[in-house]
């Protein structure tokens, strides 16, 4: 046990809090942290059943892709609005926060739909 914890228990005796109660509270905190981590892991969603078109997907649709959270989805849509439609999926690497390893996780779930034809 750390000295800080022992001093805390010693002080608790002065306040008439039993050491057992403090140990139980510490154990409860550890269990709560573990359970919170489990809940967070369980709330991850399943990947989309079919590929998502980068040029037409909404923020909500993009969030279905593993590796894309709310802020990344917004960044993708903002990038598309400012720079025009994506020419290839690899264009995502130009967005801040999307590393090569992160891109590799999302690549199987993304596609580029038919690009609009330019008029002569």
C-alpha atoms as a PDB file:
ATOM      1  CA  UNK A   1       0.000   0.000   0.000  1.00  0.00           C
ATOM      2  CA  UNK A   2       1.179   3.521  -0.668  1.00  0.00           C
ATOM      3  CA  UNK A   3       2.103   5.863   2.141  1.00  0.00           C
ATOM      4  CA  UNK A   4      -0.583   8.270   1.022  1.00  0.00           C
ATOM      5  CA  UNK A   5      -3.262   5.601   1.374  1.00  0.00           C
ATOM      6  CA  UNK A   6      -1.964   4.572   4.820  1.00  0.00           C
ATOM      7  CA  UNK A   7      -1.999   8.199   6.000  1.00  0.00           C
ATOM      8  CA  UNK A   8      -5.547   8.517   4.713  1.00  0.00           C
ATOM      9  CA  UNK A   9      -6.618   5.433   6.664  1.00  0.00           C
ATOM     10  CA  UNK A  10      -4.834   6.701   9.774  1.00  0.00           C
ATOM     11  CA  UNK A  11      -6.632  10.032   9.540  1.00  0.00           C
ATOM     12  CA  UNK A  12      -9.901   8.196   9.084  1.00  0.00           C
ATOM     13  CA  UNK A  13      -9.432   6.542  12.457  1.00  0.00           C
ATOM     14  CA  UNK A  14      -9.394  10.016  14.019  1.00  0.00           C
ATOM     15  CA  UNK A  15     -12.729  10.722  12.369  1.00  0.00           C
ATOM     16  CA  UNK A  16     -14.105   7.424  13.580  1.00  0.00           C
ATOM     17  CA  UNK A  17     -14.488   5.898  10.119  1.00  0.00           C
ATOM     18  CA  UNK A  18     -13.634   2.226  10.248  1.00  0.00           C
ATOM     19  CA  UNK A  19     -10.720   1.113   8.067  1.00  0.00           C
ATOM     20  CA  UNK A  20     -12.877  -1.626   6.609  1.00  0.00           C
ATOM     21  CA  UNK A  21     -15.301   0.973   5.254  1.00  0.00           C
ATOM     22  CA  UNK A  22     -12.493   2.847   3.538  1.00  0.00           C
ATOM     23  CA  UNK A  23     -11.171  -0.348   1.984  1.00  0.00           C
ATOM     24  CA  UNK A  24     -14.665  -1.245   0.823  1.00  0.00           C
ATOM     25  CA  UNK A  25     -15.096   2.203  -0.746  1.00  0.00           C
ATOM     26  CA  UNK A  26     -11.745   1.912  -2.514  1.00  0.00           C
ATOM     27  CA  UNK A  27     -12.693  -1.503  -3.846  1.00  0.00           C
ATOM     28  CA  UNK A  28     -16.047  -0.161  -4.991  1.00  0.00           C
ATOM     29  CA  UNK A  29     -14.334   2.640  -6.898  1.00  0.00           C
ATOM     30  CA  UNK A  30     -12.101   0.152  -8.691  1.00  0.00           C
ATOM     31  CA  UNK A  31     -15.106  -1.964  -9.644  1.00  0.00           C
ATOM     32  CA  UNK A  32     -16.987   1.101 -10.913  1.00  0.00           C
ATOM     33  CA  UNK A  33     -14.069   2.136 -13.131  1.00  0.00           C
ATOM     34  CA  UNK A  34     -13.880  -1.385 -14.548  1.00  0.00           C
ATOM     35  CA  UNK A  35     -17.634  -1.484 -15.229  1.00  0.00           C
ATOM     36  CA  UNK A  36     -17.550   1.919 -16.898  1.00  0.00           C
ATOM     37  CA  UNK A  37     -14.834   0.659 -19.244  1.00  0.00           C
ATOM     38  CA  UNK A  38     -16.909  -2.424 -20.045  1.00  0.00           C
ATOM     39  CA  UNK A  39     -20.014  -0.355 -20.807  1.00  0.00           C
ATOM     40  CA  UNK A  40     -17.996   1.885 -23.103  1.00  0.00           C
ATOM     41  CA  UNK A  41     -16.611  -1.141 -24.945  1.00  0.00           C
ATOM     42  CA  UNK A  42     -20.077  -2.681 -25.258  1.00  0.00           C
ATOM     43  CA  UNK A  43     -21.611   0.476 -26.744  1.00  0.00           C
ATOM     44  CA  UNK A  44     -19.472   0.259 -29.872  1.00  0.00           C
ATOM     45  CA  UNK A  45     -21.708  -0.337 -32.841  1.00  0.00           C
ATOM     46  CA  UNK A  46     -21.431  -2.950 -35.528  1.00  0.00           C
ATOM     47  CA  UNK A  47     -19.864  -1.830 -38.803  1.00  0.00           C
ATOM     48  CA  UNK A  48     -22.223  -0.978 -41.665  1.00  0.00           C
ATOM     49  CA  UNK A  49     -23.601  -3.858 -43.726  1.00  0.00           C
ATOM     50  CA  UNK A  50     -22.650  -2.154 -47.004  1.00  0.00           C
ATOM     51  CA  UNK A  51     -20.076   0.439 -48.044  1.00  0.00           C
ATOM     52  CA  UNK A  52     -20.782   4.083 -47.359  1.00  0.00           C
ATOM     53  CA  UNK A  53     -20.358   6.629 -50.159  1.00  0.00           C
ATOM     54  CA  UNK A  54     -18.028   9.398 -48.998  1.00  0.00           C
ATOM     55  CA  UNK A  55     -19.593  11.904 -51.396  1.00  0.00           C
ATOM     56  CA  UNK A  56     -23.171  11.545 -50.194  1.00  0.00           C
ATOM     57  CA  UNK A  57     -22.952  10.271 -46.593  1.00  0.00           C
ATOM     58  CA  UNK A  58     -24.271  12.335 -43.719  1.00  0.00           C
ATOM     59  CA  UNK A  59     -22.435  12.823 -40.426  1.00  0.00           C
ATOM     60  CA  UNK A  60     -24.660  10.157 -38.849  1.00  0.00           C
ATOM     61  CA  UNK A  61     -23.960   7.648 -41.622  1.00  0.00           C
ATOM     62  CA  UNK A  62     -20.211   8.225 -41.438  1.00  0.00           C
ATOM     63  CA  UNK A  63     -20.254   7.510 -37.697  1.00  0.00           C
ATOM     64  CA  UNK A  64     -21.296   3.921 -38.434  1.00  0.00           C
ATOM     65  CA  UNK A  65     -17.816   3.268 -39.829  1.00  0.00           C
ATOM     66  CA  UNK A  66     -15.220   1.922 -37.363  1.00  0.00           C
ATOM     67  CA  UNK A  67     -12.703   4.641 -36.601  1.00  0.00           C
ATOM     68  CA  UNK A  68     -15.053   7.525 -37.380  1.00  0.00           C
ATOM     69  CA  UNK A  69     -16.532   9.361 -34.423  1.00  0.00           C
ATOM     70  CA  UNK A  70     -18.604  12.554 -34.339  1.00  0.00           C
ATOM     71  CA  UNK A  71     -15.712  14.997 -34.788  1.00  0.00           C
ATOM     72  CA  UNK A  72     -14.095  13.017 -37.612  1.00  0.00           C
ATOM     73  CA  UNK A  73     -17.445  12.658 -39.396  1.00  0.00           C
ATOM     74  CA  UNK A  74     -17.963  16.434 -39.204  1.00  0.00           C
ATOM     75  CA  UNK A  75     -14.416  17.007 -40.477  1.00  0.00           C
ATOM     76  CA  UNK A  76     -15.081  14.716 -43.465  1.00  0.00           C
ATOM     77  CA  UNK A  77     -18.314  16.513 -44.366  1.00  0.00           C
ATOM     78  CA  UNK A  78     -16.673  19.955 -43.925  1.00  0.00           C
ATOM     79  CA  UNK A  79     -13.735  18.875 -46.103  1.00  0.00           C
ATOM     80  CA  UNK A  80     -16.149  17.645 -48.793  1.00  0.00           C
ATOM     81  CA  UNK A  81     -18.123  20.916 -48.710  1.00  0.00           C
ATOM     82  CA  UNK A  82     -14.981  23.064 -48.989  1.00  0.00           C
ATOM     83  CA  UNK A  83     -12.954  20.961 -51.427  1.00  0.00           C
ATOM     84  CA  UNK A  84     -15.653  19.307 -53.506  1.00  0.00           C
ATOM     85  CA  UNK A  85     -16.354  15.605 -53.926  1.00  0.00           C
ATOM     86  CA  UNK A  86     -13.727  13.041 -53.046  1.00  0.00           C
ATOM     87  CA  UNK A  87     -11.957  11.594 -56.080  1.00  0.00           C
ATOM     88  CA  UNK A  88     -10.694   8.537 -54.215  1.00  0.00           C
ATOM     89  CA  UNK A  89     -11.053   7.129 -50.690  1.00  0.00           C
ATOM     90  CA  UNK A  90      -7.362   7.832 -50.014  1.00  0.00           C
ATOM     91  CA  UNK A  91      -8.191  11.578 -50.094  1.00  0.00           C
ATOM     92  CA  UNK A  92      -9.287  11.111 -46.465  1.00  0.00           C
ATOM     93  CA  UNK A  93      -5.606  11.104 -45.493  1.00  0.00           C
ATOM     94  CA  UNK A  94      -5.594  14.869 -46.152  1.00  0.00           C
ATOM     95  CA  UNK A  95      -7.945  15.385 -43.188  1.00  0.00           C
ATOM     96  CA  UNK A  96      -6.251  16.227 -39.903  1.00  0.00           C
ATOM     97  CA  UNK A  97      -6.610  13.393 -37.414  1.00  0.00           C
ATOM     98  CA  UNK A  98      -6.863  10.564 -39.940  1.00  0.00           C
ATOM     99  CA  UNK A  99      -3.631   8.602 -39.805  1.00  0.00           C
ATOM    100  CA  UNK A 100      -2.648   5.810 -42.175  1.00  0.00           C
ATOM    101  CA  UNK A 101      -3.442   3.130 -39.545  1.00  0.00           C
ATOM    102  CA  UNK A 102      -6.812   4.694 -38.760  1.00  0.00           C
ATOM    103  CA  UNK A 103      -7.543   4.964 -42.478  1.00  0.00           C
ATOM    104  CA  UNK A 104      -6.787   1.251 -42.939  1.00  0.00           C
ATOM    105  CA  UNK A 105      -9.481   0.399 -40.340  1.00  0.00           C
ATOM    106  CA  UNK A 106     -12.146   2.428 -42.126  1.00  0.00           C
ATOM    107  CA  UNK A 107     -11.133   1.706 -45.744  1.00  0.00           C
ATOM    108  CA  UNK A 108     -13.174  -1.530 -46.189  1.00  0.00           C
ATOM    109  CA  UNK A 109     -16.409   0.313 -45.311  1.00  0.00           C
ATOM    110  CA  UNK A 110     -16.002   3.323 -47.607  1.00  0.00           C
ATOM    111  CA  UNK A 111     -16.512   3.873 -51.306  1.00  0.00           C
ATOM    112  CA  UNK A 112     -16.716   6.692 -53.817  1.00  0.00           C
ATOM    113  CA  UNK A 113     -19.998   6.861 -55.705  1.00  0.00           C
ATOM    114  CA  UNK A 114     -20.341   8.058 -59.281  1.00  0.00           C
ATOM    115  CA  UNK A 115     -18.749  11.466 -59.602  1.00  0.00           C
ATOM    116  CA  UNK A 116     -20.844  14.162 -61.311  1.00  0.00           C
ATOM    117  CA  UNK A 117     -19.941  14.644 -64.983  1.00  0.00           C
ATOM    118  CA  UNK A 118     -18.581  18.064 -65.901  1.00  0.00           C
ATOM    119  CA  UNK A 119     -20.405  19.757 -68.781  1.00  0.00           C
ATOM    120  CA  UNK A 120     -18.278  20.802 -71.793  1.00  0.00           C
END
